[in-house]
Amino acid sequence: MQSKAKSVAVYLKELPEERRKVMTALTTLCKKTLVGFDEGMEYGMPYYKKGGLTVGVASQKNYISVYGLRKQAAELGAKLEGAKEGKGCINFTKPELIDLKVLEKLLVAKRKAVNSW
C-alpha cells in the first residue's frame, strides 16, 4: 500500500505497531550505512538515493519489501531466510526473519558500488 506521507518520520508513525519496529530498524540501518545518500519519500515509501541509484523500503500488505539490493544479494550469495524475490525487490513475508546484519552487508556493497562511479 502506498503512503501519502511527506516524510519518513510520518510514514513510520502511520504503520501498525508490529510493522513500525522493523521498519524503523530498516530505515535507521539505511541512514547509518548509506552515508551520502539522500533520504526521502518516493512511490509512497522511504528511499535513499545517490546518483541514479536508489534503495527503498516499504511495508506492503503481505510483506516488507527492500528495493534496489537484488544485484548485491546475488553477487554476495546472501542467505535471506524467509525472503522471496519480487520484481526489482526482495520480499519478506515474516518481518521477524529479516536479518539486519545480512542487509547491512548488502547496503555496504550498494554504497561501495555507487561510490566507485
PDB file of N, CA and C in Angstrom:
ATOM      1  N   MET A   1       0.839  -1.175   0.000  1.00  0.00           N
ATOM      2  CA  MET A   1       0.000   0.000   0.000  1.00  0.00           C
ATOM      3  C   MET A   1       0.881   1.234   0.000  1.00  0.00           C
ATOM      4  N   GLN A   2       0.566   2.168  -0.843  1.00  0.00           N
ATOM      5  CA  GLN A   2       1.352   3.384  -0.935  1.00  0.00           C
ATOM      6  C   GLN A   2       0.866   4.393   0.098  1.00  0.00           C
ATOM      7  N   SER A   3       1.834   5.013   0.725  1.00  0.00           N
ATOM      8  CA  SER A   3       1.535   6.038   1.716  1.00  0.00           C
ATOM      9  C   SER A   3       1.548   7.409   1.041  1.00  0.00           C
ATOM     10  N   LYS A   4       0.806   8.328   1.594  1.00  0.00           N
ATOM     11  CA  LYS A   4       0.833   9.711   1.127  1.00  0.00           C
ATOM     12  C   LYS A   4       1.670  10.584   2.074  1.00  0.00           C
ATOM     13  N   ALA A   5       2.389   9.939   2.986  1.00  0.00           N
ATOM     14  CA  ALA A   5       3.236  10.656   3.947  1.00  0.00           C
ATOM     15  C   ALA A   5       4.279  11.488   3.208  1.00  0.00           C
ATOM     16  N   LYS A   6       4.551  12.660   3.736  1.00  0.00           N
ATOM     17  CA  LYS A   6       5.525  13.574   3.126  1.00  0.00           C
ATOM     18  C   LYS A   6       6.937  13.358   3.660  1.00  0.00           C
ATOM     19  N   SER A   7       7.078  12.591   4.756  1.00  0.00           N
ATOM     20  CA  SER A   7       8.403  12.344   5.327  1.00  0.00           C
ATOM     21  C   SER A   7       8.468  10.915   5.856  1.00  0.00           C
ATOM     22  N   VAL A   8       9.684  10.439   6.047  1.00  0.00           N
ATOM     23  CA  VAL A   8       9.881   9.095   6.575  1.00  0.00           C
ATOM     24  C   VAL A   8       9.329   9.004   7.995  1.00  0.00           C
ATOM     25  N   ALA A   9       9.517  10.038   8.793  1.00  0.00           N
ATOM     26  CA  ALA A   9       9.009  10.031  10.171  1.00  0.00           C
ATOM     27  C   ALA A   9       7.488   9.864  10.202  1.00  0.00           C
ATOM     28  N   VAL A  10       6.786  10.573   9.347  1.00  0.00           N
ATOM     29  CA  VAL A  10       5.328  10.457   9.279  1.00  0.00           C
ATOM     30  C   VAL A  10       4.940   9.068   8.773  1.00  0.00           C
ATOM     31  N   TYR A  11       5.648   8.575   7.772  1.00  0.00           N
ATOM     32  CA  TYR A  11       5.398   7.225   7.246  1.00  0.00           C
ATOM     33  C   TYR A  11       5.469   6.199   8.375  1.00  0.00           C
ATOM     34  N   LEU A  12       6.529   6.265   9.170  1.00  0.00           N
ATOM     35  CA  LEU A  12       6.711   5.301  10.256  1.00  0.00           C
ATOM     36  C   LEU A  12       5.604   5.405  11.301  1.00  0.00           C
ATOM     37  N   LYS A  13       5.166   6.616  11.609  1.00  0.00           N
ATOM     38  CA  LYS A  13       4.094   6.806  12.590  1.00  0.00           C
ATOM     39  C   LYS A  13       2.773   6.214  12.126  1.00  0.00           C
ATOM     40  N   GLU A  14       2.564   6.170  10.812  1.00  0.00           N
ATOM     41  CA  GLU A  14       1.315   5.642  10.251  1.00  0.00           C
ATOM     42  C   GLU A  14       1.231   4.115  10.304  1.00  0.00           C
ATOM     43  N   LEU A  15       2.361   3.451  10.468  1.00  0.00           N
ATOM     44  CA  LEU A  15       2.392   1.986  10.408  1.00  0.00           C
ATOM     45  C   LEU A  15       1.818   1.354  11.673  1.00  0.00           C
ATOM     46  N   PRO A  16       1.243   0.150  11.530  1.00  0.00           N
ATOM     47  CA  PRO A  16       0.825  -0.592  12.719  1.00  0.00           C
ATOM     48  C   PRO A  16       2.052  -0.904  13.575  1.00  0.00           C
ATOM     49  N   GLU A  17       1.854  -0.986  14.870  1.00  0.00           N
ATOM     50  CA  GLU A  17       2.959  -1.175  15.818  1.00  0.00           C
ATOM     51  C   GLU A  17       3.881  -2.330  15.434  1.00  0.00           C
ATOM     52  N   GLU A  18       3.316  -3.470  15.031  1.00  0.00           N
ATOM     53  CA  GLU A  18       4.148  -4.642  14.720  1.00  0.00           C
ATOM     54  C   GLU A  18       5.031  -4.415  13.492  1.00  0.00           C
ATOM     55  N   ARG A  19       4.644  -3.554  12.604  1.00  0.00           N
ATOM     56  CA  ARG A  19       5.455  -3.216  11.434  1.00  0.00           C
ATOM     57  C   ARG A  19       6.400  -2.044  11.723  1.00  0.00           C
ATOM     58  N   ARG A  20       5.983  -1.147  12.588  1.00  0.00           N
ATOM     59  CA  ARG A  20       6.771   0.057  12.868  1.00  0.00           C
ATOM     60  C   ARG A  20       8.162  -0.293  13.391  1.00  0.00           C
ATOM     61  N   LYS A  21       8.235  -1.289  14.254  1.00  0.00           N
ATOM     62  CA  LYS A  21       9.523  -1.646  14.861  1.00  0.00           C
ATOM     63  C   LYS A  21      10.536  -2.070  13.800  1.00  0.00           C
ATOM     64  N   VAL A  22      10.157  -2.992  12.935  1.00  0.00           N
ATOM     65  CA  VAL A  22      11.100  -3.474  11.924  1.00  0.00           C
ATOM     66  C   VAL A  22      11.373  -2.411  10.864  1.00  0.00           C
ATOM     67  N   MET A  23      10.369  -1.638  10.491  1.00  0.00           N
ATOM     68  CA  MET A  23      10.581  -0.588   9.500  1.00  0.00           C
ATOM     69  C   MET A  23      11.472   0.525  10.056  1.00  0.00           C
ATOM     70  N   THR A  24      11.342   0.832  11.328  1.00  0.00           N
ATOM     71  CA  THR A  24      12.222   1.810  11.963  1.00  0.00           C
ATOM     72  C   THR A  24      13.657   1.291  11.965  1.00  0.00           C
ATOM     73  N   ALA A  25      13.824   0.007  12.263  1.00  0.00           N
ATOM     74  CA  ALA A  25      15.167  -0.588  12.233  1.00  0.00           C
ATOM     75  C   ALA A  25      15.754  -0.534  10.827  1.00  0.00           C
ATOM     76  N   LEU A  26      14.947  -0.811   9.823  1.00  0.00           N
ATOM     77  CA  LEU A  26      15.425  -0.773   8.431  1.00  0.00           C
ATOM     78  C   LEU A  26      15.813   0.637   7.999  1.00  0.00           C
ATOM     79  N   THR A  27      14.973   1.617   8.304  1.00  0.00           N
ATOM     80  CA  THR A  27      15.297   2.991   7.891  1.00  0.00           C
ATOM     81  C   THR A  27      16.517   3.514   8.649  1.00  0.00           C
ATOM     82  N   THR A  28      16.639   3.147   9.912  1.00  0.00           N
ATOM     83  CA  THR A  28      17.814   3.548  10.696  1.00  0.00           C
ATOM     84  C   THR A  28      19.076   2.926  10.111  1.00  0.00           C
ATOM     85  N   LEU A  29      18.998   1.655   9.745  1.00  0.00           N
ATOM     86  CA  LEU A  29      20.139   0.974   9.133  1.00  0.00           C
ATOM     87  C   LEU A  29      20.519   1.628   7.809  1.00  0.00           C
ATOM     88  N   CYS A  30      19.532   1.980   7.010  1.00  0.00           N
ATOM     89  CA  CYS A  30      19.811   2.658   5.735  1.00  0.00           C
ATOM     90  C   CYS A  30      20.508   3.994   5.965  1.00  0.00           C
ATOM     91  N   LYS A  31      20.013   4.782   6.902  1.00  0.00           N
ATOM     92  CA  LYS A  31      20.620   6.097   7.179  1.00  0.00           C
ATOM     93  C   LYS A  31      22.062   5.936   7.657  1.00  0.00           C
ATOM     94  N   LYS A  32      22.296   4.937   8.517  1.00  0.00           N
ATOM     95  CA  LYS A  32      23.624   4.706   9.075  1.00  0.00           C
ATOM     96  C   LYS A  32      24.604   4.206   8.012  1.00  0.00           C
ATOM     97  N   THR A  33      24.146   3.329   7.147  1.00  0.00           N
ATOM     98  CA  THR A  33      25.020   2.651   6.200  1.00  0.00           C
ATOM     99  C   THR A  33      25.197   3.417   4.895  1.00  0.00           C
ATOM    100  N   LEU A  34      24.143   4.035   4.418  1.00  0.00           N
ATOM    101  CA  LEU A  34      24.186   4.713   3.118  1.00  0.00           C
ATOM    102  C   LEU A  34      24.592   6.175   3.277  1.00  0.00           C
ATOM    103  N   VAL A  35      25.784   6.367   3.783  1.00  0.00           N
ATOM    104  CA  VAL A  35      26.326   7.709   4.012  1.00  0.00           C
ATOM    105  C   VAL A  35      26.436   8.437   2.671  1.00  0.00           C
ATOM    106  N   GLY A  36      25.940   9.659   2.634  1.00  0.00           N
ATOM    107  CA  GLY A  36      25.977  10.451   1.409  1.00  0.00           C
ATOM    108  C   GLY A  36      24.745  10.293   0.529  1.00  0.00           C
ATOM    109  N   PHE A  37      23.845   9.392   0.904  1.00  0.00           N
ATOM    110  CA  PHE A  37      22.594   9.211   0.172  1.00  0.00           C
ATOM    111  C   PHE A  37      21.559  10.174   0.735  1.00  0.00           C
ATOM    112  N   ASP A  38      20.662  10.635  -0.110  1.00  0.00           N
ATOM    113  CA  ASP A  38      19.570  11.500   0.327  1.00  0.00           C
ATOM    114  C   ASP A  38      18.381  10.647   0.722  1.00  0.00           C
ATOM    115  N   GLU A  39      17.779  10.969   1.866  1.00  0.00           N
ATOM    116  CA  GLU A  39      16.580  10.265   2.316  1.00  0.00           C
ATOM    117  C   GLU A  39      15.350  11.058   1.891  1.00  0.00           C
ATOM    118  N   GLY A  40      14.315  10.344   1.493  1.00  0.00           N
ATOM    119  CA  GLY A  40      13.072  11.000   1.128  1.00  0.00           C
ATOM    120  C   GLY A  40      11.963   9.984   0.952  1.00  0.00           C
ATOM    121  N   MET A  41      10.855  10.454   0.422  1.00  0.00           N
ATOM    122  CA  MET A  41       9.709   9.590   0.123  1.00  0.00           C
ATOM    123  C   MET A  41       9.512   9.590  -1.390  1.00  0.00           C
ATOM    124  N   GLU A  42       9.362   8.411  -1.951  1.00  0.00           N
ATOM    125  CA  GLU A  42       9.116   8.266  -3.375  1.00  0.00           C
ATOM    126  C   GLU A  42       8.262   7.021  -3.571  1.00  0.00           C
ATOM    127  N   TYR A  43       7.285   7.102  -4.440  1.00  0.00           N
ATOM    128  CA  TYR A  43       6.372   5.988  -4.690  1.00  0.00           C
ATOM    129  C   TYR A  43       5.711   5.499  -3.391  1.00  0.00           C
ATOM    130  N   GLY A  44       5.493   6.406  -2.465  1.00  0.00           N
ATOM    131  CA  GLY A  44       4.806   6.071  -1.221  1.00  0.00           C
ATOM    132  C   GLY A  44       5.628   5.284  -0.225  1.00  0.00           C
ATOM    133  N   MET A  45       6.959   5.340  -0.339  1.00  0.00           N
ATOM    134  CA  MET A  45       7.815   4.607   0.595  1.00  0.00           C
ATOM    135  C   MET A  45       9.114   5.370   0.826  1.00  0.00           C
ATOM    136  N   PRO A  46       9.788   5.072   1.941  1.00  0.00           N
ATOM    137  CA  PRO A  46      11.090   5.691   2.196  1.00  0.00           C
ATOM    138  C   PRO A  46      12.110   5.241   1.154  1.00  0.00           C
ATOM    139  N   TYR A  47      12.958   6.169   0.731  1.00  0.00           N
ATOM    140  CA  TYR A  47      14.017   5.814  -0.205  1.00  0.00           C
ATOM    141  C   TYR A  47      15.297   6.542   0.172  1.00  0.00           C
ATOM    142  N   TYR A  48      16.388   6.003  -0.329  1.00  0.00           N
ATOM    143  CA  TYR A  48      17.728   6.539  -0.104  1.00  0.00           C
ATOM    144  C   TYR A  48      18.380   6.553  -1.470  1.00  0.00           C
ATOM    145  N   LYS A  49      18.784   7.739  -1.918  1.00  0.00           N
ATOM    146  CA  LYS A  49      19.207   7.901  -3.309  1.00  0.00           C
ATOM    147  C   LYS A  49      20.516   8.668  -3.389  1.00  0.00           C
ATOM    148  N   LYS A  50      21.372   8.191  -4.291  1.00  0.00           N
ATOM    149  CA  LYS A  50      22.606   8.901  -4.625  1.00  0.00           C
ATOM    150  C   LYS A  50      22.883   8.620  -6.087  1.00  0.00           C
ATOM    151  N   GLY A  51      23.120   9.671  -6.828  1.00  0.00           N
ATOM    152  CA  GLY A  51      23.271   9.482  -8.260  1.00  0.00           C
ATOM    153  C   GLY A  51      21.962   8.923  -8.799  1.00  0.00           C
ATOM    154  N   GLY A  52      22.045   7.952  -9.639  1.00  0.00           N
ATOM    155  CA  GLY A  52      20.829   7.341 -10.173  1.00  0.00           C
ATOM    156  C   GLY A  52      20.409   6.087  -9.434  1.00  0.00           C
ATOM    157  N   LEU A  53      21.096   5.752  -8.342  1.00  0.00           N
ATOM    158  CA  LEU A  53      20.808   4.501  -7.646  1.00  0.00           C
ATOM    159  C   LEU A  53      19.998   4.742  -6.378  1.00  0.00           C
ATOM    160  N   THR A  54      19.040   3.867  -6.177  1.00  0.00           N
ATOM    161  CA  THR A  54      18.102   4.025  -5.077  1.00  0.00           C
ATOM    162  C   THR A  54      17.955   2.730  -4.304  1.00  0.00           C
ATOM    163  N   VAL A  55      17.771   2.868  -2.996  1.00  0.00           N
ATOM    164  CA  VAL A  55      17.351   1.770  -2.120  1.00  0.00           C
ATOM    165  C   VAL A  55      16.046   2.231  -1.494  1.00  0.00           C
ATOM    166  N   GLY A  56      15.045   1.387  -1.534  1.00  0.00           N
ATOM    167  CA  GLY A  56      13.756   1.722  -0.935  1.00  0.00           C
ATOM    168  C   GLY A  56      13.305   0.623   0.002  1.00  0.00           C
ATOM    169  N   VAL A  57      12.513   0.989   0.990  1.00  0.00           N
ATOM    170  CA  VAL A  57      11.927   0.012   1.912  1.00  0.00           C
ATOM    171  C   VAL A  57      10.444   0.331   2.041  1.00  0.00           C
ATOM    172  N   ALA A  58       9.625  -0.727   2.065  1.00  0.00           N
ATOM    173  CA  ALA A  58       8.184  -0.494   2.106  1.00  0.00           C
ATOM    174  C   ALA A  58       7.482  -1.574   2.914  1.00  0.00           C
ATOM    175  N   SER A  59       6.485  -1.147   3.649  1.00  0.00           N
ATOM    176  CA  SER A  59       5.606  -2.072   4.352  1.00  0.00           C
ATOM    177  C   SER A  59       4.401  -2.301   3.449  1.00  0.00           C
ATOM    178  N   GLN A  60       4.348  -3.469   2.829  1.00  0.00           N
ATOM    179  CA  GLN A  60       3.248  -3.828   1.946  1.00  0.00           C
ATOM    180  C   GLN A  60       2.195  -4.603   2.744  1.00  0.00           C
ATOM    181  N   LYS A  61       1.107  -4.939   2.106  1.00  0.00           N
ATOM    182  CA  LYS A  61       0.025  -5.655   2.786  1.00  0.00           C
ATOM    183  C   LYS A  61       0.488  -6.994   3.360  1.00  0.00           C
ATOM    184  N   ASN A  62       1.201  -7.790   2.561  1.00  0.00           N
ATOM    185  CA  ASN A  62       1.571  -9.136   2.978  1.00  0.00           C
ATOM    186  C   ASN A  62       3.052  -9.345   3.243  1.00  0.00           C
ATOM    187  N   TYR A  63       3.850  -8.300   3.094  1.00  0.00           N
ATOM    188  CA  TYR A  63       5.283  -8.447   3.306  1.00  0.00           C
ATOM    189  C   TYR A  63       5.960  -7.089   3.430  1.00  0.00           C
ATOM    190  N   ILE A  64       7.232  -7.138   3.780  1.00  0.00           N
ATOM    191  CA  ILE A  64       8.077  -5.949   3.793  1.00  0.00           C
ATOM    192  C   ILE A  64       9.033  -6.103   2.624  1.00  0.00           C
ATOM    193  N   SER A  65       9.135  -5.069   1.833  1.00  0.00           N
ATOM    194  CA  SER A  65       9.958  -5.119   0.626  1.00  0.00           C
ATOM    195  C   SER A  65      11.174  -4.215   0.763  1.00  0.00           C
ATOM    196  N   VAL A  66      12.280  -4.694   0.210  1.00  0.00           N
ATOM    197  CA  VAL A  66      13.509  -3.908   0.124  1.00  0.00           C
ATOM    198  C   VAL A  66      13.861  -3.850  -1.361  1.00  0.00           C
ATOM    199  N   TYR A  67      13.906  -2.648  -1.894  1.00  0.00           N
ATOM    200  CA  TYR A  67      14.170  -2.426  -3.315  1.00  0.00           C
ATOM    201  C   TYR A  67      15.624  -2.002  -3.532  1.00  0.00           C
ATOM    202  N   GLY A  68      16.177  -2.426  -4.655  1.00  0.00           N
ATOM    203  CA  GLY A  68      17.492  -1.947  -5.068  1.00  0.00           C
ATOM    204  C   GLY A  68      18.671  -2.768  -4.586  1.00  0.00           C
ATOM    205  N   LEU A  69      18.433  -3.929  -3.965  1.00  0.00           N
ATOM    206  CA  LEU A  69      19.545  -4.727  -3.443  1.00  0.00           C
ATOM    207  C   LEU A  69      19.623  -6.130  -4.051  1.00  0.00           C
ATOM    208  N   ARG A  70      18.795  -6.427  -5.031  1.00  0.00           N
ATOM    209  CA  ARG A  70      18.805  -7.780  -5.614  1.00  0.00           C
ATOM    210  C   ARG A  70      20.163  -8.116  -6.226  1.00  0.00           C
ATOM    211  N   LYS A  71      20.768  -7.166  -6.906  1.00  0.00           N
ATOM    212  CA  LYS A  71      22.074  -7.408  -7.539  1.00  0.00           C
ATOM    213  C   LYS A  71      23.128  -7.726  -6.480  1.00  0.00           C
ATOM    214  N   GLN A  72      23.140  -6.950  -5.408  1.00  0.00           N
ATOM    215  CA  GLN A  72      24.106  -7.180  -4.338  1.00  0.00           C
ATOM    216  C   GLN A  72      23.857  -8.529  -3.666  1.00  0.00           C
ATOM    217  N   ALA A  73      22.609  -8.904  -3.484  1.00  0.00           N
ATOM    218  CA  ALA A  73      22.287 -10.202  -2.873  1.00  0.00           C
ATOM    219  C   ALA A  73      22.804 -11.342  -3.740  1.00  0.00           C
ATOM    220  N   ALA A  74      22.628 -11.222  -5.048  1.00  0.00           N
ATOM    221  CA  ALA A  74      23.107 -12.257  -5.962  1.00  0.00           C
ATOM    222  C   ALA A  74      24.637 -12.310  -5.982  1.00  0.00           C
ATOM    223  N   GLU A  75      25.263 -11.145  -6.055  1.00  0.00           N
ATOM    224  CA  GLU A  75      26.729 -11.098  -6.115  1.00  0.00           C
ATOM    225  C   GLU A  75      27.381 -11.650  -4.852  1.00  0.00           C
ATOM    226  N   LEU A  76      26.772 -11.389  -3.706  1.00  0.00           N
ATOM    227  CA  LEU A  76      27.340 -11.846  -2.431  1.00  0.00           C
ATOM    228  C   LEU A  76      26.829 -13.232  -2.026  1.00  0.00           C
ATOM    229  N   GLY A  77      25.884 -13.762  -2.770  1.00  0.00           N
ATOM    230  CA  GLY A  77      25.305 -15.056  -2.415  1.00  0.00           C
ATOM    231  C   GLY A  77      24.629 -15.003  -1.052  1.00  0.00           C
ATOM    232  N   ALA A  78      23.991 -13.886  -0.773  1.00  0.00           N
ATOM    233  CA  ALA A  78      23.382 -13.650   0.549  1.00  0.00           C
ATOM    234  C   ALA A  78      22.276 -14.660   0.832  1.00  0.00           C
ATOM    235  N   LYS A  79      22.281 -15.161   2.041  1.00  0.00           N
ATOM    236  CA  LYS A  79      21.235 -16.069   2.515  1.00  0.00           C
ATOM    237  C   LYS A  79      20.194 -15.222   3.243  1.00  0.00           C
ATOM    238  N   LEU A  80      19.040 -15.066   2.631  1.00  0.00           N
ATOM    239  CA  LEU A  80      17.966 -14.254   3.195  1.00  0.00           C
ATOM    240  C   LEU A  80      16.802 -15.173   3.544  1.00  0.00           C
ATOM    241  N   GLU A  81      16.838 -15.709   4.752  1.00  0.00           N
ATOM    242  CA  GLU A  81      15.814 -16.650   5.197  1.00  0.00           C
ATOM    243  C   GLU A  81      14.432 -16.008   5.161  1.00  0.00           C
ATOM    244  N   GLY A  82      13.479 -16.736   4.629  1.00  0.00           N
ATOM    245  CA  GLY A  82      12.103 -16.257   4.582  1.00  0.00           C
ATOM    246  C   GLY A  82      11.850 -15.195   3.528  1.00  0.00           C
ATOM    247  N   ALA A  83      12.796 -15.016   2.609  1.00  0.00           N
ATOM    248  CA  ALA A  83      12.646 -13.971   1.584  1.00  0.00           C
ATOM    249  C   ALA A  83      12.353 -14.592   0.228  1.00  0.00           C
ATOM    250  N   LYS A  84      11.637 -13.822  -0.581  1.00  0.00           N
ATOM    251  CA  LYS A  84      11.363 -14.190  -1.967  1.00  0.00           C
ATOM    252  C   LYS A  84      11.726 -12.992  -2.831  1.00  0.00           C
ATOM    253  N   GLU A  85      12.192 -13.286  -4.027  1.00  0.00           N
ATOM    254  CA  GLU A  85      12.492 -12.196  -4.945  1.00  0.00           C
ATOM    255  C   GLU A  85      11.223 -11.771  -5.658  1.00  0.00           C
ATOM    256  N   GLY A  86      10.990 -10.485  -5.649  1.00  0.00           N
ATOM    257  CA  GLY A  86       9.891  -9.906  -6.400  1.00  0.00           C
ATOM    258  C   GLY A  86      10.469  -9.178  -7.595  1.00  0.00           C
ATOM    259  N   LYS A  87       9.634  -8.459  -8.292  1.00  0.00           N
ATOM    260  CA  LYS A  87      10.096  -7.690  -9.445  1.00  0.00           C
ATOM    261  C   LYS A  87      10.869  -6.474  -8.937  1.00  0.00           C
ATOM    262  N   GLY A  88      12.181  -6.559  -8.968  1.00  0.00           N
ATOM    263  CA  GLY A  88      13.019  -5.454  -8.539  1.00  0.00           C
ATOM    264  C   GLY A  88      13.187  -5.333  -7.036  1.00  0.00           C
ATOM    265  N   CYS A  89      12.730  -6.344  -6.268  1.00  0.00           N
ATOM    266  CA  CYS A  89      12.811  -6.219  -4.821  1.00  0.00           C
ATOM    267  C   CYS A  89      13.000  -7.581  -4.156  1.00  0.00           C
ATOM    268  N   ILE A  90      13.232  -7.513  -2.870  1.00  0.00           N
ATOM    269  CA  ILE A  90      13.290  -8.694  -2.020  1.00  0.00           C
ATOM    270  C   ILE A  90      12.127  -8.556  -1.044  1.00  0.00           C
ATOM    271  N   ASN A  91      11.271  -9.572  -0.975  1.00  0.00           N
ATOM    272  CA  ASN A  91      10.089  -9.529  -0.114  1.00  0.00           C
ATOM    273  C   ASN A  91      10.259 -10.459   1.080  1.00  0.00           C
ATOM    274  N   PHE A  92       9.945  -9.937   2.246  1.00  0.00           N
ATOM    275  CA  PHE A  92       9.979 -10.719   3.479  1.00  0.00           C
ATOM    276  C   PHE A  92       8.547 -10.874   3.977  1.00  0.00           C
ATOM    277  N   THR A  93       8.048 -12.119   3.987  1.00  0.00           N
ATOM    278  CA  THR A  93       6.682 -12.354   4.441  1.00  0.00           C
ATOM    279  C   THR A  93       6.592 -12.382   5.961  1.00  0.00           C
ATOM    280  N   LYS A  94       7.705 -12.639   6.620  1.00  0.00           N
ATOM    281  CA  LYS A  94       7.744 -12.660   8.083  1.00  0.00           C
ATOM    282  C   LYS A  94       8.779 -11.638   8.548  1.00  0.00           C
ATOM    283  N   PRO A  95       8.331 -10.469   8.971  1.00  0.00           N
ATOM    284  CA  PRO A  95       9.271  -9.416   9.373  1.00  0.00           C
ATOM    285  C   PRO A  95      10.281  -9.856  10.428  1.00  0.00           C
ATOM    286  N   GLU A  96       9.879 -10.779  11.291  1.00  0.00           N
ATOM    287  CA  GLU A  96      10.789 -11.227  12.348  1.00  0.00           C
ATOM    288  C   GLU A  96      11.979 -12.017  11.796  1.00  0.00           C
ATOM    289  N   LEU A  97      11.918 -12.447  10.544  1.00  0.00           N
ATOM    290  CA  LEU A  97      13.022 -13.190   9.926  1.00  0.00           C
ATOM    291  C   LEU A  97      14.024 -12.287   9.212  1.00  0.00           C
ATOM    292  N   ILE A  98      13.773 -11.001   9.172  1.00  0.00           N
ATOM    293  CA  ILE A  98      14.698 -10.090   8.488  1.00  0.00           C
ATOM    294  C   ILE A  98      16.003 -10.035   9.265  1.00  0.00           C
ATOM    295  N   ASP A  99      17.077 -10.408   8.595  1.00  0.00           N
ATOM    296  CA  ASP A  99      18.404 -10.412   9.203  1.00  0.00           C
ATOM    297  C   ASP A  99      19.090  -9.082   8.873  1.00  0.00           C
ATOM    298  N   LEU A 100      19.111  -8.190   9.849  1.00  0.00           N
ATOM    299  CA  LEU A 100      19.668  -6.854   9.622  1.00  0.00           C
ATOM    300  C   LEU A 100      21.164  -6.893   9.330  1.00  0.00           C
ATOM    301  N   LYS A 101      21.869  -7.886   9.854  1.00  0.00           N
ATOM    302  CA  LYS A 101      23.314  -7.985   9.585  1.00  0.00           C
ATOM    303  C   LYS A 101      23.568  -8.313   8.122  1.00  0.00           C
ATOM    304  N   VAL A 102      22.775  -9.193   7.552  1.00  0.00           N
ATOM    305  CA  VAL A 102      22.916  -9.524   6.135  1.00  0.00           C
ATOM    306  C   VAL A 102      22.534  -8.305   5.289  1.00  0.00           C
ATOM    307  N   LEU A 103      21.430  -7.638   5.646  1.00  0.00           N
ATOM    308  CA  LEU A 103      21.034  -6.443   4.890  1.00  0.00           C
ATOM    309  C   LEU A 103      22.088  -5.347   4.981  1.00  0.00           C
ATOM    310  N   GLU A 104      22.738  -5.226   6.122  1.00  0.00           N
ATOM    311  CA  GLU A 104      23.798  -4.231   6.254  1.00  0.00           C
ATOM    312  C   GLU A 104      24.930  -4.518   5.266  1.00  0.00           C
ATOM    313  N   LYS A 105      25.295  -5.787   5.100  1.00  0.00           N
ATOM    314  CA  LYS A 105      26.333  -6.147   4.127  1.00  0.00           C
ATOM    315  C   LYS A 105      25.908  -5.768   2.712  1.00  0.00           C
ATOM    316  N   LEU A 106      24.640  -5.973   2.399  1.00  0.00           N
ATOM    317  CA  LEU A 106      24.138  -5.611   1.072  1.00  0.00           C
ATOM    318  C   LEU A 106      24.149  -4.096   0.879  1.00  0.00           C
ATOM    319  N   LEU A 107      23.780  -3.371   1.925  1.00  0.00           N
ATOM    320  CA  LEU A 107      23.788  -1.905   1.849  1.00  0.00           C
ATOM    321  C   LEU A 107      25.210  -1.368   1.690  1.00  0.00           C
ATOM    322  N   VAL A 108      26.164  -1.967   2.383  1.00  0.00           N
ATOM    323  CA  VAL A 108      27.573  -1.560   2.242  1.00  0.00           C
ATOM    324  C   VAL A 108      28.030  -1.806   0.804  1.00  0.00           C
ATOM    325  N   ALA A 109      27.668  -2.955   0.243  1.00  0.00           N
ATOM    326  CA  ALA A 109      28.028  -3.256  -1.145  1.00  0.00           C
ATOM    327  C   ALA A 109      27.405  -2.240  -2.095  1.00  0.00           C
ATOM    328  N   LYS A 110      26.157  -1.840  -1.845  1.00  0.00           N
ATOM    329  CA  LYS A 110      25.479  -0.845  -2.676  1.00  0.00           C
ATOM    330  C   LYS A 110      26.211   0.493  -2.583  1.00  0.00           C
ATOM    331  N   ARG A 111      26.544   0.896  -1.353  1.00  0.00           N
ATOM    332  CA  ARG A 111      27.270   2.160  -1.157  1.00  0.00           C
ATOM    333  C   ARG A 111      28.599   2.146  -1.885  1.00  0.00           C
ATOM    334  N   LYS A 112      29.333   1.045  -1.803  1.00  0.00           N
ATOM    335  CA  LYS A 112      30.627   0.943  -2.483  1.00  0.00           C
ATOM    336  C   LYS A 112      30.441   1.007  -3.995  1.00  0.00           C
ATOM    337  N   ALA A 113      29.406   0.363  -4.505  1.00  0.00           N
ATOM    338  CA  ALA A 113      29.131   0.399  -5.951  1.00  0.00           C
ATOM    339  C   ALA A 113      28.859   1.822  -6.415  1.00  0.00           C
ATOM    340  N   VAL A 114      28.086   2.554  -5.643  1.00  0.00           N
ATOM    341  CA  VAL A 114      27.745   3.935  -6.002  1.00  0.00           C
ATOM    342  C   VAL A 114      28.978   4.821  -5.919  1.00  0.00           C
ATOM    343  N   ASN A 115      29.773   4.633  -4.867  1.00  0.00           N
ATOM    344  CA  ASN A 115      30.935   5.489  -4.668  1.00  0.00           C
ATOM    345  C   ASN A 115      32.068   5.194  -5.653  1.00  0.00           C
ATOM    346  N   SER A 116      32.015   4.024  -6.314  1.00  0.00           N
ATOM    347  CA  SER A 116      33.072   3.689  -7.267  1.00  0.00           C
ATOM    348  C   SER A 116      32.824   4.291  -8.653  1.00  0.00           C
ATOM    349  N   TRP A 117      31.681   4.939  -8.829  1.00  0.00           N
ATOM    350  CA  TRP A 117      31.375   5.568 -10.130  1.00  0.00           C
ATOM    351  C   TRP A 117      32.320   6.678 -10.408  1.00  0.00           C
TER     352      TRP A 117
END
